[in-house]
Amino acid sequence: MENKEENLVKKTCRELGITQKELAEKIGVHDVTVRNWTSKGKVPKIAKNFMELLLEKKEFLNYISQTQKYLQISEQIKDVRIPDTL
């Protein structure tokens, strides 16, 4: 079990915009278990790894979304014609 300064359960719920009950459902444990992890600050390594993967997935999906926006802007810029004024 790991004890972290910043509570990983609270951080995960906050960053994903979910409740502890919803996190428990994602992990496959009872919500009381997640509440205990929160209050005691101790999370089993496998649950810690799972929460870290959830956070990395969110970061990755945000990266993909930003990349798609940049590609759209790039396509729009490519289509812009600058008139010859000379």
N, C-alpha and C. Protein backbone atom coordinates (compact mmCIF):
# COMPACT_ATOMS: atom_id res chain seq x y z
N MET A 1 0.84 -1.18 0.00
CA MET A 1 0.00 0.00 0.00
C MET A 1 0.88 1.24 0.00
N GLU A 2 0.38 2.27 -0.67
CA GLU A 2 1.16 3.49 -0.80
C GLU A 2 0.49 4.62 -0.04
N ASN A 3 1.30 5.47 0.54
CA ASN A 3 0.79 6.64 1.24
C ASN A 3 1.36 7.87 0.53
N LYS A 4 0.53 8.68 -0.06
CA LYS A 4 0.96 9.83 -0.84
C LYS A 4 0.60 11.12 -0.11
N GLU A 5 1.44 12.16 -0.33
CA GLU A 5 1.14 13.46 0.26
C GLU A 5 -0.19 13.99 -0.28
N GLU A 6 -0.32 14.02 -1.60
CA GLU A 6 -1.58 14.45 -2.20
C GLU A 6 -2.45 13.21 -2.36
N ASN A 7 -3.68 13.29 -1.92
CA ASN A 7 -4.56 12.13 -1.98
C ASN A 7 -4.91 11.83 -3.43
N LEU A 8 -4.45 10.69 -3.91
CA LEU A 8 -4.65 10.29 -5.30
C LEU A 8 -6.13 10.11 -5.64
N VAL A 9 -6.90 9.63 -4.70
CA VAL A 9 -8.34 9.44 -4.94
C VAL A 9 -9.00 10.78 -5.22
N LYS A 10 -8.74 11.76 -4.36
CA LYS A 10 -9.33 13.09 -4.55
C LYS A 10 -8.86 13.72 -5.85
N LYS A 11 -7.57 13.60 -6.13
CA LYS A 11 -7.01 14.16 -7.37
C LYS A 11 -7.67 13.52 -8.59
N THR A 12 -7.79 12.21 -8.58
CA THR A 12 -8.39 11.50 -9.72
C THR A 12 -9.83 11.93 -9.92
N CYS A 13 -10.60 11.97 -8.84
CA CYS A 13 -12.00 12.38 -8.95
C CYS A 13 -12.11 13.81 -9.46
N ARG A 14 -11.29 14.69 -8.92
CA ARG A 14 -11.33 16.10 -9.33
C ARG A 14 -10.99 16.24 -10.81
N GLU A 15 -9.89 15.64 -11.24
CA GLU A 15 -9.44 15.81 -12.62
C GLU A 15 -10.35 15.14 -13.63
N LEU A 16 -11.01 14.05 -13.23
CA LEU A 16 -11.92 13.37 -14.14
C LEU A 16 -13.35 13.89 -14.02
N GLY A 17 -13.61 14.70 -12.99
CA GLY A 17 -14.95 15.24 -12.79
C GLY A 17 -15.96 14.17 -12.41
N ILE A 18 -15.51 13.23 -11.57
CA ILE A 18 -16.39 12.14 -11.14
C ILE A 18 -16.43 12.07 -9.62
N THR A 19 -17.41 11.35 -9.11
CA THR A 19 -17.53 11.16 -7.67
C THR A 19 -16.69 9.95 -7.25
N GLN A 20 -16.51 9.80 -5.94
CA GLN A 20 -15.81 8.63 -5.43
C GLN A 20 -16.59 7.36 -5.75
N LYS A 21 -17.91 7.45 -5.75
CA LYS A 21 -18.73 6.29 -6.09
C LYS A 21 -18.50 5.89 -7.54
N GLU A 22 -18.43 6.88 -8.43
CA GLU A 22 -18.19 6.58 -9.85
C GLU A 22 -16.78 6.00 -10.05
N LEU A 23 -15.83 6.51 -9.29
CA LEU A 23 -14.47 5.97 -9.36
C LEU A 23 -14.47 4.51 -8.90
N ALA A 24 -15.18 4.24 -7.82
CA ALA A 24 -15.28 2.87 -7.32
C ALA A 24 -15.84 1.94 -8.39
N GLU A 25 -16.86 2.40 -9.11
CA GLU A 25 -17.45 1.59 -10.18
C GLU A 25 -16.43 1.33 -11.28
N LYS A 26 -15.65 2.35 -11.64
CA LYS A 26 -14.63 2.18 -12.68
C LYS A 26 -13.56 1.17 -12.26
N ILE A 27 -13.18 1.23 -10.98
CA ILE A 27 -12.14 0.33 -10.47
C ILE A 27 -12.69 -1.06 -10.22
N GLY A 28 -13.98 -1.14 -9.89
CA GLY A 28 -14.60 -2.43 -9.61
C GLY A 28 -14.56 -2.80 -8.14
N VAL A 29 -14.63 -1.77 -7.28
CA VAL A 29 -14.66 -2.00 -5.84
C VAL A 29 -15.86 -1.28 -5.25
N HIS A 30 -16.16 -1.57 -3.99
CA HIS A 30 -17.27 -0.93 -3.30
C HIS A 30 -16.88 0.52 -2.99
N ASP A 31 -17.87 1.41 -3.00
CA ASP A 31 -17.57 2.83 -2.73
C ASP A 31 -17.03 3.05 -1.32
N VAL A 32 -17.37 2.19 -0.38
CA VAL A 32 -16.82 2.31 0.98
C VAL A 32 -15.30 2.09 0.94
N THR A 33 -14.86 1.20 0.09
CA THR A 33 -13.42 0.95 -0.05
C THR A 33 -12.70 2.21 -0.49
N VAL A 34 -13.26 2.89 -1.48
CA VAL A 34 -12.65 4.13 -1.98
C VAL A 34 -12.68 5.21 -0.90
N ARG A 35 -13.77 5.28 -0.15
CA ARG A 35 -13.83 6.27 0.94
C ARG A 35 -12.75 5.98 1.98
N ASN A 36 -12.51 4.71 2.27
CA ASN A 36 -11.44 4.35 3.21
C ASN A 36 -10.07 4.76 2.68
N TRP A 37 -9.83 4.55 1.39
CA TRP A 37 -8.56 4.97 0.80
C TRP A 37 -8.39 6.48 0.95
N THR A 38 -9.50 7.21 0.77
CA THR A 38 -9.45 8.67 0.86
C THR A 38 -9.13 9.11 2.28
N SER A 39 -9.82 8.54 3.24
CA SER A 39 -9.64 8.98 4.62
C SER A 39 -8.30 8.54 5.20
N LYS A 40 -7.84 7.37 4.83
CA LYS A 40 -6.59 6.87 5.38
C LYS A 40 -5.37 7.28 4.55
N GLY A 41 -5.62 7.70 3.32
CA GLY A 41 -4.51 8.10 2.45
C GLY A 41 -3.67 6.93 1.96
N LYS A 42 -4.18 5.72 2.12
CA LYS A 42 -3.45 4.53 1.68
C LYS A 42 -4.24 3.85 0.57
N VAL A 43 -3.56 3.66 -0.55
CA VAL A 43 -4.20 3.06 -1.72
C VAL A 43 -3.38 1.85 -2.15
N PRO A 44 -4.02 0.69 -2.38
CA PRO A 44 -3.27 -0.46 -2.88
C PRO A 44 -2.59 -0.13 -4.20
N LYS A 45 -1.44 -0.73 -4.42
CA LYS A 45 -0.65 -0.40 -5.61
C LYS A 45 -1.44 -0.61 -6.90
N ILE A 46 -2.20 -1.67 -7.00
CA ILE A 46 -2.95 -1.93 -8.24
C ILE A 46 -4.00 -0.84 -8.48
N ALA A 47 -4.65 -0.37 -7.42
CA ALA A 47 -5.64 0.71 -7.56
C ALA A 47 -4.93 2.02 -7.91
N LYS A 48 -3.77 2.25 -7.30
CA LYS A 48 -2.97 3.44 -7.61
C LYS A 48 -2.60 3.43 -9.09
N ASN A 49 -2.12 2.30 -9.58
CA ASN A 49 -1.75 2.19 -10.99
C ASN A 49 -2.95 2.43 -11.90
N PHE A 50 -4.11 1.91 -11.50
CA PHE A 50 -5.33 2.08 -12.30
C PHE A 50 -5.72 3.55 -12.37
N MET A 51 -5.67 4.24 -11.22
CA MET A 51 -6.02 5.66 -11.21
C MET A 51 -5.03 6.48 -12.03
N GLU A 52 -3.75 6.14 -11.95
CA GLU A 52 -2.75 6.84 -12.75
C GLU A 52 -3.01 6.62 -14.24
N LEU A 53 -3.43 5.42 -14.61
CA LEU A 53 -3.78 5.16 -16.01
C LEU A 53 -5.00 5.96 -16.45
N LEU A 54 -5.98 6.09 -15.57
CA LEU A 54 -7.15 6.90 -15.89
C LEU A 54 -6.75 8.35 -16.15
N LEU A 55 -5.84 8.87 -15.32
CA LEU A 55 -5.37 10.25 -15.49
C LEU A 55 -4.55 10.39 -16.77
N GLU A 56 -3.71 9.42 -17.07
CA GLU A 56 -2.92 9.46 -18.31
C GLU A 56 -3.82 9.37 -19.53
N LYS A 57 -4.88 8.57 -19.44
CA LYS A 57 -5.83 8.46 -20.55
C LYS A 57 -6.48 9.81 -20.81
N LYS A 58 -6.87 10.50 -19.75
CA LYS A 58 -7.49 11.81 -19.92
C LYS A 58 -6.51 12.77 -20.58
N GLU A 59 -5.27 12.76 -20.12
CA GLU A 59 -4.24 13.63 -20.69
C GLU A 59 -4.02 13.29 -22.17
N PHE A 60 -3.98 12.02 -22.49
CA PHE A 60 -3.78 11.58 -23.87
C PHE A 60 -4.94 12.02 -24.76
N LEU A 61 -6.18 11.87 -24.27
CA LEU A 61 -7.34 12.28 -25.05
C LEU A 61 -7.35 13.79 -25.27
N ASN A 62 -6.92 14.56 -24.27
CA ASN A 62 -6.80 16.00 -24.43
C ASN A 62 -5.76 16.34 -25.48
N TYR A 63 -4.64 15.62 -25.47
CA TYR A 63 -3.58 15.83 -26.45
C TYR A 63 -4.10 15.55 -27.87
N ILE A 64 -4.84 14.47 -28.03
CA ILE A 64 -5.41 14.14 -29.34
C ILE A 64 -6.36 15.24 -29.79
N SER A 65 -7.20 15.72 -28.89
CA SER A 65 -8.15 16.78 -29.22
C SER A 65 -7.42 18.04 -29.67
N GLN A 66 -6.37 18.43 -28.94
CA GLN A 66 -5.60 19.62 -29.31
C GLN A 66 -4.92 19.42 -30.67
N THR A 67 -4.38 18.25 -30.90
CA THR A 67 -3.72 17.96 -32.17
C THR A 67 -4.71 18.07 -33.32
N GLN A 68 -5.91 17.57 -33.14
CA GLN A 68 -6.93 17.66 -34.18
C GLN A 68 -7.28 19.12 -34.46
N LYS A 69 -7.36 19.94 -33.42
CA LYS A 69 -7.64 21.37 -33.61
C LYS A 69 -6.52 22.03 -34.39
N TYR A 70 -5.27 21.72 -34.06
CA TYR A 70 -4.13 22.29 -34.77
C TYR A 70 -4.13 21.87 -36.24
N LEU A 71 -4.48 20.63 -36.50
CA LEU A 71 -4.55 20.16 -37.89
C LEU A 71 -5.63 20.89 -38.67
N GLN A 72 -6.77 21.14 -38.03
CA GLN A 72 -7.83 21.89 -38.69
C GLN A 72 -7.39 23.31 -39.00
N ILE A 73 -6.72 23.94 -38.05
CA ILE A 73 -6.22 25.31 -38.27
C ILE A 73 -5.19 25.31 -39.38
N SER A 74 -4.32 24.32 -39.39
CA SER A 74 -3.30 24.20 -40.43
C SER A 74 -3.93 24.08 -41.81
N GLU A 75 -4.99 23.29 -41.91
CA GLU A 75 -5.69 23.15 -43.19
C GLU A 75 -6.33 24.47 -43.61
N GLN A 76 -6.88 25.21 -42.66
CA GLN A 76 -7.49 26.50 -42.97
C GLN A 76 -6.44 27.49 -43.45
N ILE A 77 -5.29 27.50 -42.79
CA ILE A 77 -4.21 28.41 -43.17
C ILE A 77 -3.70 28.06 -44.56
N LYS A 78 -3.62 26.79 -44.86
CA LYS A 78 -3.13 26.34 -46.16
C LYS A 78 -4.03 26.86 -47.29
N ASP A 79 -5.30 27.00 -47.02
CA ASP A 79 -6.26 27.45 -48.03
C ASP A 79 -6.31 28.96 -48.18
N VAL A 80 -5.67 29.70 -47.30
CA VAL A 80 -5.70 31.17 -47.36
C VAL A 80 -4.75 31.64 -48.45
N ARG A 81 -5.24 32.51 -49.31
CA ARG A 81 -4.43 33.08 -50.39
C ARG A 81 -4.10 34.53 -50.04
N ILE A 82 -2.84 34.85 -50.15
CA ILE A 82 -2.42 36.24 -49.92
C ILE A 82 -2.28 36.89 -51.29
N PRO A 83 -3.04 37.96 -51.53
CA PRO A 83 -3.00 38.59 -52.86
C PRO A 83 -1.65 39.28 -53.10
N ASP A 84 -1.22 39.23 -54.35
CA ASP A 84 0.00 39.95 -54.74
C ASP A 84 -0.35 41.42 -54.87
N THR A 85 0.31 42.24 -54.12
CA THR A 85 0.04 43.68 -54.18
C THR A 85 1.18 44.42 -54.85
N LEU A 86 2.20 43.72 -55.28
CA LEU A 86 3.34 44.37 -55.93
C LEU A 86 3.20 44.39 -57.41
